[in-house]
Amino acid sequence: MTGNPRRAVLPGSYDPITNGHLDVITRASRLYDDVVVAILHNPNKQGTFTPEERVALIEASTADLPNVRAAAYGDRLIVDVCRELDAGVLLKGIRGSTDYDYELPMALMNSEMTGVETLLLPGNPTLGHYSSSLIRLIAAHGADVSAMVPEPVLGPLLAKLRAG
């Protein structure tokens, strides 16, 4: 391929990355030349991991995907991140109709504001019930979440929950 690489940005809080996230990231890595997992601050969520820890967990979990990188972008609009990265596509994994209803107005607004398009990628139905907050909650109560998070995440997640 010549010219600019096809670059997609996958925004989220990733606190922590789950196997559902990893499924979408892996599939995106087959569709795009360069995939940026963009960690953004959600003021409605209190973080378990720092943005730097999330970057490290994502990098460890995607080490076998050479065209994937992670970075934290703080409290910024995702369209500004896309402009900075020269990315014309936001890619979002959706688990069902609730996610679709939430994501569609944002996708339309982002396109109207900047021309950045949003691709809504259906998640694997066997992983659709995974959410970072639910995984943290059940892990805090001693449930086995080893099948729900990438291997590099399990130890740090359990350590954070024991400490906190």
N, C-alpha and C. Protein backbone atom coordinates (compact mmCIF):
# COMPACT_ATOMS: atom_id res chain seq x y z
N MET A 1 0.85 -1.18 0.00
CA MET A 1 0.00 0.00 0.00
C MET A 1 0.89 1.24 0.00
N THR A 2 0.53 2.21 -0.78
CA THR A 2 1.29 3.46 -0.81
C THR A 2 0.44 4.58 -0.22
N GLY A 3 1.08 5.68 0.11
CA GLY A 3 0.35 6.81 0.68
C GLY A 3 0.13 6.64 2.17
N ASN A 4 -0.83 7.41 2.70
CA ASN A 4 -1.13 7.35 4.13
C ASN A 4 -1.70 6.00 4.51
N PRO A 5 -1.28 5.48 5.65
CA PRO A 5 -1.86 4.22 6.10
C PRO A 5 -3.32 4.44 6.49
N ARG A 6 -4.09 3.39 6.37
CA ARG A 6 -5.46 3.44 6.85
C ARG A 6 -5.40 3.29 8.37
N ARG A 7 -5.84 4.32 9.07
CA ARG A 7 -5.71 4.37 10.52
C ARG A 7 -7.09 4.44 11.16
N ALA A 8 -7.31 3.61 12.16
CA ALA A 8 -8.55 3.63 12.93
C ALA A 8 -8.23 3.89 14.39
N VAL A 9 -9.12 4.62 15.04
CA VAL A 9 -8.99 4.91 16.47
C VAL A 9 -10.12 4.20 17.19
N LEU A 10 -9.76 3.45 18.24
CA LEU A 10 -10.74 2.74 19.07
C LEU A 10 -10.75 3.39 20.45
N PRO A 11 -11.69 4.31 20.69
CA PRO A 11 -11.71 5.01 21.96
C PRO A 11 -12.42 4.22 23.05
N GLY A 12 -12.03 4.49 24.29
CA GLY A 12 -12.70 3.87 25.42
C GLY A 12 -11.94 4.12 26.70
N SER A 13 -12.48 3.63 27.80
CA SER A 13 -11.79 3.79 29.08
C SER A 13 -10.90 2.57 29.36
N TYR A 14 -11.27 1.41 28.90
CA TYR A 14 -10.44 0.20 29.03
C TYR A 14 -9.94 0.01 30.46
N ASP A 15 -10.85 -0.03 31.40
CA ASP A 15 -10.48 -0.09 32.82
C ASP A 15 -11.02 -1.33 33.51
N PRO A 16 -10.48 -2.51 33.22
CA PRO A 16 -9.37 -2.82 32.33
C PRO A 16 -9.87 -3.32 30.97
N ILE A 17 -8.91 -3.59 30.08
CA ILE A 17 -9.22 -4.23 28.81
C ILE A 17 -9.79 -5.62 29.11
N THR A 18 -10.84 -6.00 28.38
CA THR A 18 -11.47 -7.31 28.54
C THR A 18 -11.24 -8.13 27.28
N ASN A 19 -11.63 -9.40 27.32
CA ASN A 19 -11.54 -10.22 26.12
C ASN A 19 -12.51 -9.75 25.04
N GLY A 20 -13.59 -9.08 25.43
CA GLY A 20 -14.48 -8.48 24.45
C GLY A 20 -13.79 -7.34 23.71
N HIS A 21 -13.09 -6.48 24.47
CA HIS A 21 -12.30 -5.41 23.83
C HIS A 21 -11.26 -6.03 22.90
N LEU A 22 -10.56 -7.04 23.41
CA LEU A 22 -9.47 -7.65 22.65
C LEU A 22 -9.99 -8.25 21.34
N ASP A 23 -11.19 -8.83 21.36
CA ASP A 23 -11.79 -9.36 20.15
C ASP A 23 -11.97 -8.25 19.11
N VAL A 24 -12.51 -7.11 19.51
CA VAL A 24 -12.74 -6.00 18.59
C VAL A 24 -11.40 -5.44 18.09
N ILE A 25 -10.43 -5.29 18.99
CA ILE A 25 -9.11 -4.77 18.60
C ILE A 25 -8.44 -5.70 17.60
N THR A 26 -8.51 -7.00 17.85
CA THR A 26 -7.90 -7.98 16.94
C THR A 26 -8.55 -7.93 15.57
N ARG A 27 -9.86 -7.85 15.53
CA ARG A 27 -10.56 -7.77 14.25
C ARG A 27 -10.24 -6.46 13.54
N ALA A 28 -10.14 -5.36 14.29
CA ALA A 28 -9.76 -4.07 13.69
C ALA A 28 -8.37 -4.14 13.10
N SER A 29 -7.47 -4.87 13.75
CA SER A 29 -6.09 -4.97 13.25
C SER A 29 -6.01 -5.67 11.91
N ARG A 30 -7.02 -6.46 11.58
CA ARG A 30 -7.07 -7.11 10.26
C ARG A 30 -7.69 -6.20 9.21
N LEU A 31 -8.42 -5.18 9.65
CA LEU A 31 -9.10 -4.27 8.72
C LEU A 31 -8.31 -3.01 8.41
N TYR A 32 -7.43 -2.60 9.33
CA TYR A 32 -6.71 -1.33 9.20
C TYR A 32 -5.22 -1.55 9.33
N ASP A 33 -4.45 -0.67 8.68
CA ASP A 33 -2.99 -0.74 8.73
C ASP A 33 -2.45 -0.34 10.09
N ASP A 34 -3.13 0.62 10.73
CA ASP A 34 -2.67 1.18 11.99
C ASP A 34 -3.89 1.33 12.89
N VAL A 35 -3.84 0.75 14.08
CA VAL A 35 -4.95 0.81 15.03
C VAL A 35 -4.44 1.46 16.30
N VAL A 36 -5.11 2.54 16.69
CA VAL A 36 -4.74 3.26 17.90
C VAL A 36 -5.85 3.05 18.93
N VAL A 37 -5.51 2.39 20.03
CA VAL A 37 -6.44 2.21 21.13
C VAL A 37 -6.28 3.45 22.01
N ALA A 38 -7.30 4.31 21.97
CA ALA A 38 -7.23 5.62 22.62
C ALA A 38 -7.96 5.58 23.96
N ILE A 39 -7.20 5.73 25.02
CA ILE A 39 -7.77 5.75 26.37
C ILE A 39 -8.16 7.19 26.69
N LEU A 40 -9.44 7.36 26.94
CA LEU A 40 -9.98 8.69 27.24
C LEU A 40 -10.53 8.70 28.66
N HIS A 41 -10.62 9.88 29.22
CA HIS A 41 -11.17 10.04 30.56
C HIS A 41 -12.68 10.16 30.48
N ASN A 42 -13.37 9.33 31.22
CA ASN A 42 -14.82 9.45 31.33
C ASN A 42 -15.13 9.99 32.72
N PRO A 43 -15.59 11.24 32.82
CA PRO A 43 -15.83 11.83 34.14
C PRO A 43 -16.92 11.11 34.93
N ASN A 44 -17.72 10.26 34.27
CA ASN A 44 -18.76 9.50 34.96
C ASN A 44 -18.25 8.19 35.55
N LYS A 45 -16.97 7.89 35.33
CA LYS A 45 -16.40 6.63 35.83
C LYS A 45 -15.18 6.94 36.67
N GLN A 46 -15.09 6.24 37.82
CA GLN A 46 -13.90 6.35 38.65
C GLN A 46 -12.97 5.22 38.24
N GLY A 47 -11.73 5.54 37.96
CA GLY A 47 -10.80 4.55 37.44
C GLY A 47 -10.21 3.64 38.50
N THR A 48 -10.03 2.39 38.12
CA THR A 48 -9.30 1.44 38.95
C THR A 48 -7.82 1.51 38.62
N PHE A 49 -7.52 1.57 37.32
CA PHE A 49 -6.15 1.66 36.84
C PHE A 49 -5.87 3.08 36.36
N THR A 50 -4.65 3.54 36.52
CA THR A 50 -4.27 4.83 35.98
C THR A 50 -4.22 4.72 34.45
N PRO A 51 -4.30 5.84 33.75
CA PRO A 51 -4.17 5.77 32.29
C PRO A 51 -2.88 5.08 31.85
N GLU A 52 -1.79 5.34 32.56
CA GLU A 52 -0.50 4.71 32.20
C GLU A 52 -0.55 3.20 32.40
N GLU A 53 -1.21 2.76 33.46
CA GLU A 53 -1.35 1.31 33.70
C GLU A 53 -2.22 0.69 32.62
N ARG A 54 -3.27 1.38 32.21
CA ARG A 54 -4.14 0.86 31.14
C ARG A 54 -3.37 0.71 29.83
N VAL A 55 -2.55 1.71 29.50
CA VAL A 55 -1.73 1.62 28.30
C VAL A 55 -0.85 0.37 28.37
N ALA A 56 -0.19 0.17 29.50
CA ALA A 56 0.70 -0.99 29.66
C ALA A 56 -0.08 -2.30 29.55
N LEU A 57 -1.27 -2.38 30.13
CA LEU A 57 -2.07 -3.61 30.05
C LEU A 57 -2.53 -3.88 28.62
N ILE A 58 -2.90 -2.83 27.91
CA ILE A 58 -3.32 -2.99 26.51
C ILE A 58 -2.13 -3.42 25.66
N GLU A 59 -0.99 -2.78 25.86
CA GLU A 59 0.20 -3.16 25.09
C GLU A 59 0.61 -4.61 25.35
N ALA A 60 0.54 -5.03 26.61
CA ALA A 60 0.87 -6.42 26.92
C ALA A 60 -0.14 -7.38 26.30
N SER A 61 -1.40 -6.99 26.29
CA SER A 61 -2.47 -7.85 25.76
C SER A 61 -2.49 -7.91 24.24
N THR A 62 -1.90 -6.92 23.58
CA THR A 62 -1.89 -6.87 22.11
C THR A 62 -0.49 -7.02 21.54
N ALA A 63 0.42 -7.54 22.32
CA ALA A 63 1.82 -7.64 21.90
C ALA A 63 1.99 -8.42 20.60
N ASP A 64 1.06 -9.33 20.30
CA ASP A 64 1.15 -10.12 19.07
C ASP A 64 0.51 -9.42 17.87
N LEU A 65 0.05 -8.20 18.05
CA LEU A 65 -0.58 -7.43 16.98
C LEU A 65 0.31 -6.23 16.66
N PRO A 66 1.23 -6.35 15.71
CA PRO A 66 2.24 -5.31 15.49
C PRO A 66 1.68 -3.97 15.01
N ASN A 67 0.48 -3.93 14.48
CA ASN A 67 -0.08 -2.68 13.99
C ASN A 67 -1.03 -2.03 14.99
N VAL A 68 -0.97 -2.47 16.25
CA VAL A 68 -1.82 -1.90 17.31
C VAL A 68 -0.93 -1.19 18.32
N ARG A 69 -1.37 0.01 18.71
CA ARG A 69 -0.67 0.75 19.76
C ARG A 69 -1.72 1.39 20.66
N ALA A 70 -1.31 1.70 21.87
CA ALA A 70 -2.22 2.32 22.84
C ALA A 70 -1.61 3.62 23.34
N ALA A 71 -2.48 4.58 23.63
CA ALA A 71 -2.04 5.85 24.20
C ALA A 71 -3.20 6.46 24.97
N ALA A 72 -2.85 7.23 26.00
CA ALA A 72 -3.85 7.94 26.79
C ALA A 72 -3.96 9.37 26.29
N TYR A 73 -5.19 9.85 26.18
CA TYR A 73 -5.42 11.18 25.65
C TYR A 73 -6.18 12.09 26.61
N GLY A 74 -6.35 11.67 27.85
CA GLY A 74 -6.94 12.53 28.86
C GLY A 74 -8.36 12.95 28.56
N ASP A 75 -8.69 14.12 29.00
CA ASP A 75 -10.04 14.66 28.90
C ASP A 75 -10.15 15.50 27.63
N ARG A 76 -10.24 14.81 26.48
CA ARG A 76 -10.30 15.48 25.18
C ARG A 76 -11.43 14.90 24.36
N LEU A 77 -11.87 15.65 23.38
CA LEU A 77 -12.84 15.12 22.44
C LEU A 77 -12.14 14.12 21.51
N ILE A 78 -12.81 13.03 21.24
CA ILE A 78 -12.21 12.00 20.40
C ILE A 78 -11.96 12.53 18.99
N VAL A 79 -12.78 13.44 18.51
CA VAL A 79 -12.54 13.98 17.16
C VAL A 79 -11.25 14.78 17.12
N ASP A 80 -10.88 15.42 18.22
CA ASP A 80 -9.60 16.13 18.27
C ASP A 80 -8.44 15.14 18.24
N VAL A 81 -8.61 14.01 18.90
CA VAL A 81 -7.59 12.96 18.86
C VAL A 81 -7.45 12.44 17.43
N CYS A 82 -8.57 12.22 16.76
CA CYS A 82 -8.53 11.74 15.37
C CYS A 82 -7.82 12.74 14.46
N ARG A 83 -8.09 14.02 14.66
CA ARG A 83 -7.39 15.05 13.86
C ARG A 83 -5.90 14.98 14.10
N GLU A 84 -5.50 14.90 15.37
CA GLU A 84 -4.08 14.85 15.72
C GLU A 84 -3.40 13.64 15.10
N LEU A 85 -4.10 12.52 15.05
CA LEU A 85 -3.54 11.27 14.53
C LEU A 85 -3.74 11.11 13.02
N ASP A 86 -4.44 12.05 12.39
CA ASP A 86 -4.78 11.95 10.98
C ASP A 86 -5.54 10.65 10.69
N ALA A 87 -6.53 10.38 11.55
CA ALA A 87 -7.36 9.18 11.41
C ALA A 87 -8.76 9.60 10.99
N GLY A 88 -9.28 8.98 9.98
CA GLY A 88 -10.60 9.32 9.49
C GLY A 88 -11.69 8.40 9.98
N VAL A 89 -11.32 7.39 10.79
CA VAL A 89 -12.31 6.40 11.23
C VAL A 89 -12.20 6.18 12.73
N LEU A 90 -13.35 6.26 13.38
CA LEU A 90 -13.50 5.78 14.76
C LEU A 90 -14.13 4.41 14.66
N LEU A 91 -13.62 3.48 15.39
CA LEU A 91 -14.19 2.14 15.38
C LEU A 91 -14.66 1.84 16.79
N LYS A 92 -15.91 1.41 16.91
CA LYS A 92 -16.49 1.10 18.21
C LYS A 92 -17.10 -0.29 18.15
N GLY A 93 -16.79 -1.10 19.14
CA GLY A 93 -17.46 -2.38 19.28
C GLY A 93 -18.79 -2.17 19.96
N ILE A 94 -19.81 -2.83 19.45
CA ILE A 94 -21.12 -2.74 20.10
C ILE A 94 -21.60 -4.14 20.47
N ARG A 95 -22.24 -4.20 21.63
CA ARG A 95 -22.70 -5.49 22.15
C ARG A 95 -24.16 -5.76 21.82
N GLY A 96 -24.91 -4.74 21.52
CA GLY A 96 -26.33 -4.94 21.25
C GLY A 96 -27.02 -3.62 21.00
N SER A 97 -28.35 -3.65 21.07
CA SER A 97 -29.13 -2.47 20.71
C SER A 97 -28.92 -1.31 21.67
N THR A 98 -28.66 -1.57 22.93
CA THR A 98 -28.41 -0.47 23.87
C THR A 98 -27.15 0.28 23.49
N ASP A 99 -26.08 -0.46 23.16
CA ASP A 99 -24.85 0.19 22.71
C ASP A 99 -25.10 0.97 21.42
N TYR A 100 -25.86 0.38 20.50
CA TYR A 100 -26.15 1.05 19.23
C TYR A 100 -26.88 2.37 19.48
N ASP A 101 -27.90 2.32 20.33
CA ASP A 101 -28.67 3.53 20.63
C ASP A 101 -27.81 4.61 21.29
N TYR A 102 -26.83 4.20 22.07
CA TYR A 102 -25.91 5.14 22.72
C TYR A 102 -24.90 5.71 21.72
N GLU A 103 -24.37 4.85 20.86
CA GLU A 103 -23.29 5.24 19.94
C GLU A 103 -23.76 6.02 18.72
N LEU A 104 -24.96 5.75 18.22
CA LEU A 104 -25.41 6.37 16.99
C LEU A 104 -25.44 7.90 17.05
N PRO A 105 -26.02 8.53 18.07
CA PRO A 105 -26.00 10.00 18.09
C PRO A 105 -24.58 10.57 18.13
N MET A 106 -23.68 9.90 18.87
CA MET A 106 -22.29 10.37 18.91
C MET A 106 -21.64 10.24 17.54
N ALA A 107 -21.89 9.13 16.86
CA ALA A 107 -21.32 8.93 15.53
C ALA A 107 -21.79 10.01 14.56
N LEU A 108 -23.06 10.33 14.60
CA LEU A 108 -23.60 11.35 13.72
C LEU A 108 -23.04 12.73 14.05
N MET A 109 -22.91 13.03 15.34
CA MET A 109 -22.36 14.32 15.76
C MET A 109 -20.89 14.44 15.35
N ASN A 110 -20.11 13.38 15.56
CA ASN A 110 -18.70 13.40 15.18
C ASN A 110 -18.54 13.61 13.68
N SER A 111 -19.37 12.96 12.90
CA SER A 111 -19.30 13.11 11.45
C SER A 111 -19.68 14.54 11.04
N GLU A 112 -20.73 15.07 11.64
CA GLU A 112 -21.16 16.43 11.32
C GLU A 112 -20.10 17.46 11.70
N MET A 113 -19.46 17.26 12.86
CA MET A 113 -18.47 18.23 13.34
C MET A 113 -17.18 18.21 12.53
N THR A 114 -16.74 17.02 12.14
CA THR A 114 -15.38 16.91 11.60
C THR A 114 -15.25 16.04 10.36
N GLY A 115 -16.28 15.31 10.00
CA GLY A 115 -16.15 14.39 8.88
C GLY A 115 -15.57 13.04 9.27
N VAL A 116 -15.23 12.86 10.54
CA VAL A 116 -14.73 11.56 11.00
C VAL A 116 -15.90 10.59 11.01
N GLU A 117 -15.72 9.47 10.34
CA GLU A 117 -16.76 8.45 10.28
C GLU A 117 -16.59 7.45 11.42
N THR A 118 -17.69 6.85 11.84
CA THR A 118 -17.66 5.84 12.89
C THR A 118 -18.13 4.52 12.31
N LEU A 119 -17.33 3.49 12.53
CA LEU A 119 -17.70 2.14 12.15
C LEU A 119 -18.11 1.41 13.42
N LEU A 120 -19.34 0.90 13.44
CA LEU A 120 -19.83 0.14 14.59
C LEU A 120 -19.66 -1.34 14.27
N LEU A 121 -18.77 -1.98 14.98
CA LEU A 121 -18.43 -3.38 14.74
C LEU A 121 -19.11 -4.26 15.78
N PRO A 122 -20.02 -5.12 15.35
CA PRO A 122 -20.68 -5.99 16.34
C PRO A 122 -19.65 -6.88 17.04
N GLY A 123 -19.78 -6.92 18.35
CA GLY A 123 -18.89 -7.77 19.13
C GLY A 123 -19.29 -9.23 19.01
N ASN A 124 -18.38 -10.08 19.38
CA ASN A 124 -18.64 -11.52 19.41
C ASN A 124 -19.75 -11.77 20.43
N PRO A 125 -20.85 -12.41 20.02
CA PRO A 125 -21.98 -12.61 20.94
C PRO A 125 -21.61 -13.41 22.20
N THR A 126 -20.59 -14.25 22.11
CA THR A 126 -20.21 -15.02 23.30
C THR A 126 -19.49 -14.16 24.33
N LEU A 127 -19.08 -12.94 23.93
CA LEU A 127 -18.38 -12.04 24.84
C LEU A 127 -19.22 -10.79 25.15
N GLY A 128 -20.42 -10.73 24.63
CA GLY A 128 -21.24 -9.53 24.70
C GLY A 128 -21.64 -9.10 26.10
N HIS A 129 -21.59 -9.99 27.03
CA HIS A 129 -21.97 -9.63 28.40
C HIS A 129 -20.79 -9.12 29.22
N TYR A 130 -19.61 -9.09 28.63
CA TYR A 130 -18.43 -8.60 29.35
C TYR A 130 -18.41 -7.08 29.37
N SER A 131 -18.23 -6.53 30.52
CA SER A 131 -17.97 -5.11 30.66
C SER A 131 -16.92 -4.96 31.75
N SER A 132 -16.08 -3.96 31.61
CA SER A 132 -15.02 -3.76 32.59
C SER A 132 -15.59 -3.60 33.99
N SER A 133 -16.65 -2.81 34.12
CA SER A 133 -17.20 -2.55 35.45
C SER A 133 -17.79 -3.82 36.07
N LEU A 134 -18.48 -4.62 35.29
CA LEU A 134 -19.04 -5.86 35.82
C LEU A 134 -17.93 -6.85 36.19
N ILE A 135 -16.91 -6.94 35.36
CA ILE A 135 -15.78 -7.83 35.67
C ILE A 135 -15.09 -7.39 36.96
N ARG A 136 -14.87 -6.09 37.13
CA ARG A 136 -14.26 -5.61 38.38
C ARG A 136 -15.14 -5.96 39.57
N LEU A 137 -16.44 -5.79 39.44
CA LEU A 137 -17.36 -6.06 40.53
C LEU A 137 -17.34 -7.52 40.95
N ILE A 138 -17.45 -8.41 39.99
CA ILE A 138 -17.49 -9.83 40.36
C ILE A 138 -16.13 -10.33 40.82
N ALA A 139 -15.05 -9.80 40.26
CA ALA A 139 -13.71 -10.19 40.71
C ALA A 139 -13.49 -9.74 42.15
N ALA A 140 -14.02 -8.57 42.50
CA ALA A 140 -13.88 -8.06 43.87
C ALA A 140 -14.58 -8.97 44.88
N HIS A 141 -15.57 -9.73 44.40
CA HIS A 141 -16.29 -10.67 45.27
C HIS A 141 -15.76 -12.09 45.15
N GLY A 142 -14.59 -12.24 44.53
CA GLY A 142 -13.92 -13.54 44.50
C GLY A 142 -14.25 -14.44 43.33
N ALA A 143 -15.06 -13.97 42.38
CA ALA A 143 -15.39 -14.80 41.22
C ALA A 143 -14.18 -14.94 40.30
N ASP A 144 -14.12 -16.05 39.61
CA ASP A 144 -13.03 -16.31 38.66
C ASP A 144 -13.32 -15.56 37.36
N VAL A 145 -12.49 -14.59 37.04
CA VAL A 145 -12.66 -13.81 35.81
C VAL A 145 -11.56 -14.11 34.80
N SER A 146 -10.84 -15.19 35.00
CA SER A 146 -9.68 -15.49 34.14
C SER A 146 -10.07 -15.68 32.67
N ALA A 147 -11.29 -16.12 32.38
CA ALA A 147 -11.72 -16.31 30.99
C ALA A 147 -12.25 -15.01 30.39
N MET A 148 -12.34 -13.95 31.20
CA MET A 148 -12.97 -12.71 30.75
C MET A 148 -11.97 -11.61 30.42
N VAL A 149 -10.74 -11.76 30.89
CA VAL A 149 -9.72 -10.74 30.65
C VAL A 149 -8.49 -11.40 30.05
N PRO A 150 -7.72 -10.64 29.26
CA PRO A 150 -6.47 -11.20 28.74
C PRO A 150 -5.53 -11.60 29.89
N GLU A 151 -4.71 -12.57 29.65
CA GLU A 151 -3.81 -13.10 30.69
C GLU A 151 -2.98 -12.02 31.37
N PRO A 152 -2.42 -11.03 30.64
CA PRO A 152 -1.62 -10.01 31.31
C PRO A 152 -2.42 -9.11 32.26
N VAL A 153 -3.73 -9.16 32.19
CA VAL A 153 -4.57 -8.29 33.01
C VAL A 153 -4.94 -8.93 34.35
N LEU A 154 -5.05 -10.25 34.37
CA LEU A 154 -5.60 -10.94 35.55
C LEU A 154 -4.84 -10.62 36.84
N GLY A 155 -3.55 -10.81 36.85
CA GLY A 155 -2.76 -10.55 38.06
C GLY A 155 -2.86 -9.12 38.55
N PRO A 156 -2.62 -8.14 37.68
CA PRO A 156 -2.75 -6.74 38.12
C PRO A 156 -4.15 -6.38 38.59
N LEU A 157 -5.18 -6.94 37.95
CA LEU A 157 -6.55 -6.65 38.36
C LEU A 157 -6.80 -7.18 39.78
N LEU A 158 -6.43 -8.43 40.02
CA LEU A 158 -6.65 -9.01 41.34
C LEU A 158 -5.83 -8.27 42.41
N ALA A 159 -4.62 -7.86 42.06
CA ALA A 159 -3.78 -7.11 43.02
C ALA A 159 -4.42 -5.77 43.35
N LYS A 160 -4.94 -5.07 42.36
CA LYS A 160 -5.60 -3.78 42.60
C LYS A 160 -6.82 -3.95 43.50
N LEU A 161 -7.59 -4.97 43.22
CA LEU A 161 -8.81 -5.18 44.00
C LEU A 161 -8.49 -5.57 45.45
N ARG A 162 -7.43 -6.35 45.66
CA ARG A 162 -7.01 -6.72 47.03
C ARG A 162 -6.51 -5.51 47.78
N ALA A 163 -5.81 -4.62 47.06
CA ALA A 163 -5.21 -3.44 47.70
C ALA A 163 -6.23 -2.35 47.99
N GLY A 164 -7.31 -2.34 47.22
CA GLY A 164 -8.17 -1.20 47.27
C GLY A 164 -9.43 -1.33 47.99
